[in-house]
C-alpha atoms as a PDB file:
ATOM      1  CA  MET A   1      23.341 -67.964 -85.176  1.00  0.00           C
ATOM      2  CA  SER A   2      19.797 -69.338 -85.263  1.00  0.00           C
ATOM      3  CA  GLY A   3      18.507 -71.999 -87.611  1.00  0.00           C
ATOM      4  CA  ASP A   4      16.879 -69.422 -89.908  1.00  0.00           C
ATOM      5  CA  ASN A   5      18.172 -69.291 -93.464  1.00  0.00           C
ATOM      6  CA  VAL A   6      20.893 -66.688 -94.104  1.00  0.00           C
ATOM      7  CA  ARG A   7      22.969 -65.594 -97.070  1.00  0.00           C
ATOM      8  CA  LEU A   8      25.926 -67.876 -97.619  1.00  0.00           C
ATOM      9  CA  SER A   9      28.415 -64.998 -97.547  1.00  0.00           C
ATOM     10  CA  LYS A  10      27.054 -63.920 -94.159  1.00  0.00           C
ATOM     11  CA  LEU A  11      27.443 -67.444 -92.786  1.00  0.00           C
ATOM     12  CA  ILE A  12      31.051 -67.637 -93.978  1.00  0.00           C
ATOM     13  CA  ALA A  13      31.835 -64.254 -92.426  1.00  0.00           C
ATOM     14  CA  SER A  14      30.208 -65.254 -89.119  1.00  0.00           C
ATOM     15  CA  ARG A  15      32.611 -68.185 -88.830  1.00  0.00           C
ATOM     16  CA  GLY A  16      35.627 -65.853 -88.985  1.00  0.00           C
ATOM     17  CA  VAL A  17      36.948 -67.183 -92.288  1.00  0.00           C
ATOM     18  CA  ALA A  18      36.606 -63.919 -94.218  1.00  0.00           C
ATOM     19  CA  SER A  19      34.731 -60.654 -94.321  1.00  0.00           C
ATOM     20  CA  ARG A  20      31.414 -60.484 -96.173  1.00  0.00           C
ATOM     21  CA  ARG A  21      33.121 -58.942 -99.204  1.00  0.00           C
ATOM     22  CA  GLU A  22      35.901 -61.524 -99.170  1.00  0.00           C
ATOM     23  CA  ALA A  23      33.327 -64.316 -98.816  1.00  0.00           C
ATOM     24  CA  GLU A  24      31.470 -63.048-101.877  1.00  0.00           C
ATOM     25  CA  ALA A  25      34.765 -63.059-103.793  1.00  0.00           C
ATOM     26  CA  LEU A  26      35.393 -66.680-102.759  1.00  0.00           C
ATOM     27  CA  ILE A  27      31.923 -67.640-104.001  1.00  0.00           C
ATOM     28  CA  SER A  28      32.419 -65.803-107.309  1.00  0.00           C
ATOM     29  CA  ALA A  29      35.729 -67.658-107.783  1.00  0.00           C
ATOM     30  CA  GLY A  30      33.931 -71.020-107.482  1.00  0.00           C
ATOM     31  CA  ARG A  31      35.795 -71.995-104.318  1.00  0.00           C
ATOM     32  CA  VAL A  32      32.691 -72.547-102.175  1.00  0.00           C
ATOM     33  CA  SER A  33      30.438 -75.592-102.210  1.00  0.00           C
ATOM     34  CA  CYS A  34      27.199 -76.331-100.389  1.00  0.00           C
ATOM     35  CA  ASP A  35      26.016 -79.912 -99.892  1.00  0.00           C
ATOM     36  CA  GLY A  36      28.495 -81.115-102.505  1.00  0.00           C
ATOM     37  CA  GLU A  37      27.581 -78.580-105.216  1.00  0.00           C
ATOM     38  CA  VAL A  38      29.725 -75.599-106.217  1.00  0.00           C
ATOM     39  CA  VAL A  39      27.795 -72.437-105.410  1.00  0.00           C
ATOM     40  CA  LYS A  40      26.937 -70.069-108.240  1.00  0.00           C
ATOM     41  CA  GLY A  41      25.504 -66.709-107.256  1.00  0.00           C
ATOM     42  CA  VAL A  42      23.657 -65.662-104.102  1.00  0.00           C
ATOM     43  CA  ILE A  43      21.922 -68.399-102.104  1.00  0.00           C
ATOM     44  CA  LEU A  44      20.310 -68.801 -98.703  1.00  0.00           C
ATOM     45  CA  VAL A  45      21.399 -71.662 -96.459  1.00  0.00           C
ATOM     46  CA  ASN A  46      20.431 -73.117 -93.107  1.00  0.00           C
ATOM     47  CA  PRO A  47      23.475 -72.697 -90.826  1.00  0.00           C
ATOM     48  CA  ASP A  48      22.574 -75.810 -88.824  1.00  0.00           C
ATOM     49  CA  MET A  49      21.972 -78.101 -91.789  1.00  0.00           C
ATOM     50  CA  ALA A  50      24.097 -77.018 -94.757  1.00  0.00           C
ATOM     51  CA  ASP A  51      27.483 -78.648 -95.433  1.00  0.00           C
ATOM     52  CA  VAL A  52      29.476 -75.613 -96.556  1.00  0.00           C
ATOM     53  CA  ARG A  53      33.091 -76.007 -97.648  1.00  0.00           C
ATOM     54  CA  ILE A  54      35.795 -73.685 -98.953  1.00  0.00           C
ATOM     55  CA  ASP A  55      38.385 -75.374-101.179  1.00  0.00           C
ATOM     56  CA  GLY A  56      37.004 -78.661 -99.886  1.00  0.00           C
ATOM     57  CA  LYS A  57      37.507 -77.767 -96.219  1.00  0.00           C
ATOM     58  CA  PRO A  58      34.466 -77.483 -93.912  1.00  0.00           C
ATOM     59  CA  LEU A  59      33.686 -74.212 -92.145  1.00  0.00           C
ATOM     60  CA  PRO A  60      34.916 -73.967 -88.558  1.00  0.00           C
ATOM     61  CA  SER A  61      32.388 -74.173 -85.735  1.00  0.00           C
ATOM     62  CA  PRO A  62      30.721 -70.942 -84.608  1.00  0.00           C
ATOM     63  CA  ALA A  63      33.101 -68.819 -82.547  1.00  0.00           C
ATOM     64  CA  GLU A  64      32.288 -67.360 -79.158  1.00  0.00           C
ATOM     65  CA  ARG A  65      31.070 -63.783 -79.466  1.00  0.00           C
ATOM     66  CA  VAL A  66      33.694 -61.242 -78.449  1.00  0.00           C
ATOM     67  CA  VAL A  67      33.737 -57.454 -78.287  1.00  0.00           C
ATOM     68  CA  TYR A  68      36.966 -55.496 -77.865  1.00  0.00           C
ATOM     69  CA  LEU A  69      37.763 -51.847 -77.205  1.00  0.00           C
ATOM     70  CA  PHE A  70      40.815 -50.502 -79.028  1.00  0.00           C
ATOM     71  CA  HIS A  71      42.495 -47.123 -78.542  1.00  0.00           C
ATOM     72  CA  LYS A  72      43.333 -46.212 -82.121  1.00  0.00           C
ATOM     73  CA  PRO A  73      46.388 -43.987 -82.505  1.00  0.00           C
ATOM     74  CA  LYS A  74      46.555 -41.205 -85.068  1.00  0.00           C
ATOM     75  CA  GLY A  75      48.058 -42.211 -88.426  1.00  0.00           C
ATOM     76  CA  TYR A  76      46.310 -45.574 -88.903  1.00  0.00           C
ATOM     77  CA  LEU A  77      43.396 -46.537 -91.142  1.00  0.00           C
ATOM     78  CA  THR A  78      40.389 -48.348 -89.689  1.00  0.00           C
ATOM     79  CA  THR A  79      40.393 -51.197 -92.182  1.00  0.00           C
ATOM     80  CA  ARG A  80      41.874 -54.651 -92.558  1.00  0.00           C
ATOM     81  CA  ALA A  81      44.040 -53.843 -95.594  1.00  0.00           C
ATOM     82  CA  ASP A  82      44.807 -50.788 -97.725  1.00  0.00           C
ATOM     83  CA  PRO A  83      45.514 -50.974-101.502  1.00  0.00           C
ATOM     84  CA  GLU A  84      47.999 -48.111-101.123  1.00  0.00           C
ATOM     85  CA  GLY A  85      49.926 -49.950 -98.428  1.00  0.00           C
ATOM     86  CA  ARG A  86      49.208 -47.461 -95.650  1.00  0.00           C
ATOM     87  CA  LYS A  87      49.269 -48.570 -92.016  1.00  0.00           C
ATOM     88  CA  THR A  88      46.036 -50.003 -90.573  1.00  0.00           C
ATOM     89  CA  ILE A  89      44.890 -50.782 -87.053  1.00  0.00           C
ATOM     90  CA  PHE A  90      45.355 -54.494 -87.776  1.00  0.00           C
ATOM     91  CA  ASP A  91      49.116 -53.887 -88.036  1.00  0.00           C
ATOM     92  CA  LEU A  92      48.927 -53.107 -84.310  1.00  0.00           C
ATOM     93  CA  LEU A  93      46.386 -55.690 -83.186  1.00  0.00           C
ATOM     94  CA  GLY A  94      48.492 -58.758 -83.917  1.00  0.00           C
ATOM     95  CA  ASP A  95      46.971 -62.224 -84.004  1.00  0.00           C
ATOM     96  CA  LEU A  96      43.702 -62.143 -82.068  1.00  0.00           C
ATOM     97  CA  ARG A  97      42.133 -65.477 -81.168  1.00  0.00           C
ATOM     98  CA  VAL A  98      38.920 -64.641 -83.064  1.00  0.00           C
ATOM     99  CA  ARG A  99      38.600 -62.738 -86.325  1.00  0.00           C
ATOM    100  CA  VAL A 100      36.927 -59.397 -85.606  1.00  0.00           C
ATOM    101  CA  GLU A 101      35.917 -56.385 -87.674  1.00  0.00           C
ATOM    102  CA  PRO A 102      35.739 -52.718 -86.628  1.00  0.00           C
ATOM    103  CA  VAL A 103      32.378 -51.202 -85.695  1.00  0.00           C
ATOM    104  CA  GLY A 104      32.312 -48.084 -87.842  1.00  0.00           C
ATOM    105  CA  ARG A 105      35.367 -46.029 -88.733  1.00  0.00           C
ATOM    106  CA  LEU A 106      37.704 -43.311 -87.530  1.00  0.00           C
ATOM    107  CA  ASP A 107      39.632 -41.364 -90.142  1.00  0.00           C
ATOM    108  CA  MET A 108      43.413 -41.589 -90.295  1.00  0.00           C
ATOM    109  CA  ASP A 109      44.008 -38.300 -88.468  1.00  0.00           C
ATOM    110  CA  THR A 110      41.653 -39.120 -85.584  1.00  0.00           C
ATOM    111  CA  GLU A 111      42.490 -41.204 -82.528  1.00  0.00           C
ATOM    112  CA  GLY A 112      40.313 -42.824 -79.908  1.00  0.00           C
ATOM    113  CA  ALA A 113      37.712 -45.478 -79.184  1.00  0.00           C
ATOM    114  CA  ILE A 114      37.023 -48.231 -81.715  1.00  0.00           C
ATOM    115  CA  LEU A 115      34.939 -51.311 -80.957  1.00  0.00           C
ATOM    116  CA  LEU A 116      35.770 -54.581 -82.709  1.00  0.00           C
ATOM    117  CA  THR A 117      33.555 -57.668 -82.757  1.00  0.00           C
ATOM    118  CA  ASN A 118      32.748 -60.876 -84.589  1.00  0.00           C
ATOM    119  CA  ASP A 119      29.013 -60.230 -84.120  1.00  0.00           C
ATOM    120  CA  GLY A 120      27.861 -58.679 -87.388  1.00  0.00           C
ATOM    121  CA  GLY A 121      24.324 -58.081 -86.116  1.00  0.00           C
ATOM    122  CA  LEU A 122      25.555 -56.100 -83.123  1.00  0.00           C
ATOM    123  CA  ALA A 123      27.926 -54.089 -85.321  1.00  0.00           C
ATOM    124  CA  HIS A 124      25.094 -53.265 -87.716  1.00  0.00           C
ATOM    125  CA  ARG A 125      22.794 -52.090 -84.932  1.00  0.00           C
ATOM    126  CA  LEU A 126      25.500 -49.958 -83.328  1.00  0.00           C
ATOM    127  CA  THR A 127      26.152 -48.144 -86.607  1.00  0.00           C
ATOM    128  CA  HIS A 128      22.561 -47.825 -87.819  1.00  0.00           C
ATOM    129  CA  PRO A 129      21.491 -44.152 -87.670  1.00  0.00           C
ATOM    130  CA  SER A 130      17.982 -44.968 -86.387  1.00  0.00           C
ATOM    131  CA  HIS A 131      19.411 -46.250 -83.073  1.00  0.00           C
ATOM    132  CA  ARG A 132      21.151 -42.940 -82.287  1.00  0.00           C
ATOM    133  CA  VAL A 133      24.155 -44.520 -80.575  1.00  0.00           C
ATOM    134  CA  PRO A 134      26.126 -41.792 -78.711  1.00  0.00           C
ATOM    135  CA  LYS A 135      29.756 -41.073 -79.511  1.00  0.00           C
ATOM    136  CA  ARG A 136      31.637 -38.465 -77.473  1.00  0.00           C
ATOM    137  CA  TYR A 137      34.616 -36.555 -78.880  1.00  0.00           C
ATOM    138  CA  ILE A 138      37.204 -34.058 -77.665  1.00  0.00           C
ATOM    139  CA  ALA A 139      38.261 -31.599 -80.375  1.00  0.00           C
ATOM    140  CA  LYS A 140      40.705 -28.734 -80.515  1.00  0.00           C
ATOM    141  CA  VAL A 141      39.285 -26.049 -82.808  1.00  0.00           C
ATOM    142  CA  TYR A 142      40.459 -22.765 -84.288  1.00  0.00           C
ATOM    143  CA  ARG A 143      39.020 -19.861 -82.323  1.00  0.00           C
ATOM    144  CA  THR A 144      36.401 -20.333 -79.627  1.00  0.00           C
ATOM    145  CA  PRO A 145      32.843 -20.885 -80.919  1.00  0.00           C
ATOM    146  CA  ASP A 146      30.374 -18.318 -79.605  1.00  0.00           C
ATOM    147  CA  GLU A 147      26.920 -18.977 -78.140  1.00  0.00           C
ATOM    148  CA  ARG A 148      25.301 -18.718 -81.554  1.00  0.00           C
ATOM    149  CA  ASP A 149      27.536 -21.484 -82.950  1.00  0.00           C
ATOM    150  CA  LEU A 150      26.827 -23.704 -79.955  1.00  0.00           C
ATOM    151  CA  ARG A 151      23.072 -23.244 -80.373  1.00  0.00           C
ATOM    152  CA  LEU A 152      23.262 -24.146 -84.072  1.00  0.00           C
ATOM    153  CA  ILE A 153      25.022 -27.404 -83.195  1.00  0.00           C
ATOM    154  CA  GLU A 154      22.617 -28.212 -80.369  1.00  0.00           C
ATOM    155  CA  LYS A 155      19.539 -27.541 -82.509  1.00  0.00           C
ATOM    156  CA  GLY A 156      20.754 -29.444 -85.588  1.00  0.00           C
ATOM    157  CA  GLN A 157      20.936 -26.320 -87.728  1.00  0.00           C
ATOM    158  CA  VAL A 158      24.397 -26.801 -89.236  1.00  0.00           C
ATOM    159  CA  TYR A 159      23.896 -27.657 -92.910  1.00  0.00           C
ATOM    160  CA  LEU A 160      26.482 -29.888 -94.603  1.00  0.00           C
ATOM    161  CA  GLU A 161      26.742 -30.995 -98.231  1.00  0.00           C
ATOM    162  CA  ASP A 162      24.998 -34.300 -97.406  1.00  0.00           C
ATOM    163  CA  GLY A 163      22.258 -32.773 -95.260  1.00  0.00           C
ATOM    164  CA  PRO A 164      21.904 -31.075 -91.880  1.00  0.00           C
ATOM    165  CA  ALA A 165      23.768 -32.522 -88.920  1.00  0.00           C
ATOM    166  CA  ALA A 166      21.528 -34.020 -86.244  1.00  0.00           C
ATOM    167  CA  PRO A 167      21.282 -32.152 -82.923  1.00  0.00           C
ATOM    168  CA  ALA A 168      24.345 -32.758 -80.751  1.00  0.00           C
ATOM    169  CA  LYS A 169      25.516 -31.932 -77.250  1.00  0.00           C
ATOM    170  CA  VAL A 170      28.434 -29.495 -77.194  1.00  0.00           C
ATOM    171  CA  ARG A 171      30.354 -27.402 -74.670  1.00  0.00           C
ATOM    172  CA  VAL A 172      33.608 -25.489 -74.360  1.00  0.00           C
ATOM    173  CA  LEU A 173      36.036 -27.317 -72.089  1.00  0.00           C
ATOM    174  CA  GLU A 174      38.961 -24.905 -72.162  1.00  0.00           C
ATOM    175  CA  THR A 175      40.326 -21.968 -74.095  1.00  0.00           C
ATOM    176  CA  THR A 176      43.988 -21.525 -74.968  1.00  0.00           C
ATOM    177  CA  ASP A 177      46.201 -18.444 -74.687  1.00  0.00           C
ATOM    178  CA  SER A 178      46.043 -18.060 -78.471  1.00  0.00           C
ATOM    179  CA  GLY A 179      42.230 -17.925 -78.466  1.00  0.00           C
ATOM    180  CA  ASN A 180      41.591 -21.480 -79.661  1.00  0.00           C
ATOM    181  CA  ALA A 181      39.415 -23.938 -77.736  1.00  0.00           C
ATOM    182  CA  TRP A 182      39.053 -27.524 -76.602  1.00  0.00           C
ATOM    183  CA  MET A 183      35.497 -28.699 -77.204  1.00  0.00           C
ATOM    184  CA  GLU A 184      33.447 -31.686 -76.052  1.00  0.00           C
ATOM    185  CA  VAL A 185      30.784 -32.841 -78.498  1.00  0.00           C
ATOM    186  CA  THR A 186      28.505 -35.889 -78.403  1.00  0.00           C
ATOM    187  CA  VAL A 187      26.870 -36.986 -81.660  1.00  0.00           C
ATOM    188  CA  THR A 188      24.492 -39.806 -82.530  1.00  0.00           C
ATOM    189  CA  GLU A 189      25.418 -40.037 -86.211  1.00  0.00           C
ATOM    190  CA  GLY A 190      28.237 -41.902 -87.909  1.00  0.00           C
ATOM    191  CA  ARG A 191      28.736 -39.864 -91.072  1.00  0.00           C
ATOM    192  CA  ASN A 192      32.222 -39.655 -92.530  1.00  0.00           C
ATOM    193  CA  ARG A 193      34.386 -36.957 -90.887  1.00  0.00           C
ATOM    194  CA  LEU A 194      31.269 -35.475 -89.276  1.00  0.00           C
ATOM    195  CA  ILE A 195      32.964 -33.612 -86.410  1.00  0.00           C
ATOM    196  CA  ARG A 196      35.578 -32.042 -88.672  1.00  0.00           C
ATOM    197  CA  ARG A 197      32.982 -30.968 -91.239  1.00  0.00           C
ATOM    198  CA  LEU A 198      30.619 -29.683 -88.538  1.00  0.00           C
ATOM    199  CA  PHE A 199      33.123 -27.258 -87.010  1.00  0.00           C
ATOM    200  CA  ALA A 200      34.672 -26.322 -90.360  1.00  0.00           C
ATOM    201  CA  GLN A 201      31.241 -25.240 -91.605  1.00  0.00           C
ATOM    202  CA  LEU A 202      31.078 -22.796 -88.673  1.00  0.00           C
ATOM    203  CA  GLY A 203      34.574 -21.436 -89.307  1.00  0.00           C
ATOM    204  CA  HIS A 204      36.339 -23.421 -86.571  1.00  0.00           C
ATOM    205  CA  PRO A 205      38.478 -26.073 -88.303  1.00  0.00           C
ATOM    206  CA  VAL A 206      39.616 -28.970 -86.111  1.00  0.00           C
ATOM    207  CA  SER A 207      43.339 -29.476 -85.517  1.00  0.00           C
ATOM    208  CA  LYS A 208      43.125 -32.390 -83.059  1.00  0.00           C
ATOM    209  CA  LEU A 209      40.361 -34.943 -82.567  1.00  0.00           C
ATOM    210  CA  ARG A 210      39.908 -37.875 -80.196  1.00  0.00           C
ATOM    211  CA  ARG A 211      36.861 -40.094 -79.689  1.00  0.00           C
ATOM    212  CA  GLU A 212      36.532 -40.596 -75.955  1.00  0.00           C
ATOM    213  CA  THR A 213      33.595 -43.004 -75.915  1.00  0.00           C
ATOM    214  CA  PHE A 214      31.570 -45.197 -78.241  1.00  0.00           C
ATOM    215  CA  ALA A 215      28.152 -46.278 -76.912  1.00  0.00           C
ATOM    216  CA  THR A 216      29.340 -45.090 -73.438  1.00  0.00           C
ATOM    217  CA  ILE A 217      32.433 -47.372 -73.497  1.00  0.00           C
ATOM    218  CA  SER A 218      35.419 -45.176 -72.622  1.00  0.00           C
ATOM    219  CA  ILE A 219      39.120 -45.352 -73.502  1.00  0.00           C
ATOM    220  CA  ARG A 220      39.983 -43.855 -70.115  1.00  0.00           C
ATOM    221  CA  LYS A 221      43.084 -45.593 -68.707  1.00  0.00           C
ATOM    222  CA  LEU A 222      43.623 -47.418 -72.031  1.00  0.00           C
ATOM    223  CA  GLU A 223      46.934 -46.464 -73.650  1.00  0.00           C
ATOM    224  CA  ARG A 224      47.184 -45.634 -77.358  1.00  0.00           C
ATOM    225  CA  GLY A 225      47.504 -48.845 -79.362  1.00  0.00           C
ATOM    226  CA  ALA A 226      46.181 -50.966 -76.463  1.00  0.00           C
ATOM    227  CA  ILE A 227      43.181 -53.292 -76.631  1.00  0.00           C
ATOM    228  CA  ARG A 228      40.978 -54.935 -74.023  1.00  0.00           C
ATOM    229  CA  ARG A 229      37.985 -57.241 -74.084  1.00  0.00           C
ATOM    230  CA  LEU A 230      34.703 -55.820 -72.843  1.00  0.00           C
ATOM    231  CA  SER A 231      33.213 -57.297 -69.695  1.00  0.00           C
ATOM    232  CA  ALA A 232      29.867 -59.088 -69.715  1.00  0.00           C
ATOM    233  CA  ASN A 233      28.233 -56.026 -68.122  1.00  0.00           C
ATOM    234  CA  GLU A 234      29.676 -53.726 -70.787  1.00  0.00           C
ATOM    235  CA  VAL A 235      28.481 -56.022 -73.573  1.00  0.00           C
ATOM    236  CA  ALA A 236      25.002 -56.076 -72.025  1.00  0.00           C
ATOM    237  CA  ARG A 237      25.040 -52.277 -71.919  1.00  0.00           C
ATOM    238  CA  ILE A 238      25.981 -51.788 -75.579  1.00  0.00           C
ATOM    239  CA  GLU A 239      23.531 -54.545 -76.556  1.00  0.00           C
ATOM    240  CA  ASP A 240      20.747 -52.508 -74.923  1.00  0.00           C
ATOM    241  CA  ILE A 241      21.955 -49.278 -76.539  1.00  0.00           C
ATOM    242  CA  SER A 242      22.133 -50.973 -79.948  1.00  0.00           C
ATOM    243  CA  ARG A 243      18.435 -51.823 -79.575  1.00  0.00           C
ATOM    244  CA  GLY A 244      17.446 -48.249 -78.793  1.00  0.00           C
ATOM    245  CA  LYS A 245      17.506 -48.211 -74.991  1.00  0.00           C
ATOM    246  CA  GLN A 246      18.517 -44.966 -73.318  1.00  0.00           C
ATOM    247  CA  PRO A 247      22.204 -45.110 -72.259  1.00  0.00           C
ATOM    248  CA  ALA A 248      21.360 -44.184 -68.649  1.00  0.00           C
ATOM    249  CA  LYS A 249      19.125 -47.267 -68.377  1.00  0.00           C
ATOM    250  CA  ALA A 250      21.180 -49.634 -70.541  1.00  0.00           C
ATOM    251  CA  GLY A 251      22.505 -52.816 -68.942  1.00  0.00           C
ATOM    252  CA  LYS A 252      20.417 -52.394 -65.814  1.00  0.00           C
ATOM    253  CA  LYS A 253      17.962 -55.069 -64.719  1.00  0.00           C
ATOM    254  CA  ARG A 254      15.526 -55.234 -61.827  1.00  0.00           C
ATOM    255  CA  GLY A 255      16.903 -57.470 -59.091  1.00  0.00           C
ATOM    256  CA  LYS A 256      15.259 -60.842 -58.635  1.00  0.00           C
ATOM    257  CA  GLY A 257      13.035 -61.386 -55.626  1.00  0.00           C
ATOM    258  CA  PHE A 258      11.801 -57.806 -55.407  1.00  0.00           C
ATOM    259  CA  ALA A 259       8.214 -57.179 -56.386  1.00  0.00           C
ATOM    260  CA  LYS A 260       7.273 -53.901 -57.961  1.00  0.00           C
ATOM    261  CA  ALA A 261       5.753 -51.603 -55.373  1.00  0.00           C
ATOM    262  CA  LYS A 262       1.990 -51.231 -55.637  1.00  0.00           C
ATOM    263  CA  PRO A 263       0.479 -47.766 -55.445  1.00  0.00           C
ATOM    264  CA  LYS A 264      -1.136 -47.063 -52.079  1.00  0.00           C
ATOM    265  CA  ARG A 265      -4.894 -46.697 -52.020  1.00  0.00           C
ATOM    266  CA  LYS A 266      -6.290 -43.637 -50.355  1.00  0.00           C
ATOM    267  CA  ARG A 267      -8.504 -44.408 -47.402  1.00  0.00           C
ATOM    268  CA  LEU A 268     -11.851 -42.704 -47.438  1.00  0.00           C
ATOM    269  CA  GLY A 269     -13.043 -41.008 -44.295  1.00  0.00           C
ATOM    270  CA  LYS A 270     -16.567 -41.211 -42.978  1.00  0.00           C
ATOM    271  CA  ARG A 271     -17.667 -38.421 -45.274  1.00  0.00           C
ATOM    272  CA  GLY A 272     -16.133 -40.132 -48.303  1.00  0.00           C
ATOM    273  CA  ARG A 273     -18.069 -43.392 -47.871  1.00  0.00           C
ATOM    274  CA  GLN A 274     -20.971 -44.029 -50.163  1.00  0.00           C
ATOM    275  CA  ARG A 275     -24.347 -44.029 -48.541  1.00  0.00           C
ATOM    276  CA  GLY A 276     -26.516 -47.078 -48.946  1.00  0.00           C
END
């Protein structure tokens, strides 16, 4: 983090001690002090200067940024803990070296790609609707959508209870003997249960759903319940995408030592020369 002032709860969360919500609860309980004074309410602090302690213990040093890809199985919640005691993805993740939080959500009945990171800024950018981060899904739906349905999805003309769905890419991958279909759909929104609601609105309820990619990072060759750390190139790619760069150009840089080609000047013939 830079030396700019930040909210105390955000600083605590960035050090992997707790989530933002848990940090706010610690502050409300009077367990956090800053420069020797118990904190009351919301304050801004300088991460490089403030002496912040929880129960008298100083905050740990800033952790190295990490980003993981996890293949979430069906039947698990995308949260750290559930009041009803249902299974969460953290029951499968075990003890990771750095505390991470999921980037967005997948509902309990959906499997597939979930990114996890300790970089709150990156997570926020990847989930902000203005950045139109692509997410590709495979869905099995009841009955094969016709061309009219596909056009409605592609043009953003499917109206849901919380507003019209944004235009999405969609195609039929395969039809089954019973007349159902496997669909591929790529959306740039992160609304709750969007894919299921989208097809249900058109009369094609989803029976199976898997997110294949998030910000172009694919779960291909990653078993259900498995996790891997993203490479430096992959992190650079999603960093670019999170800042609005087109996925096809994300993570690509011009090689050093190569000058940009200059446009060639047209040579004028004798007739094209100006007369003195």
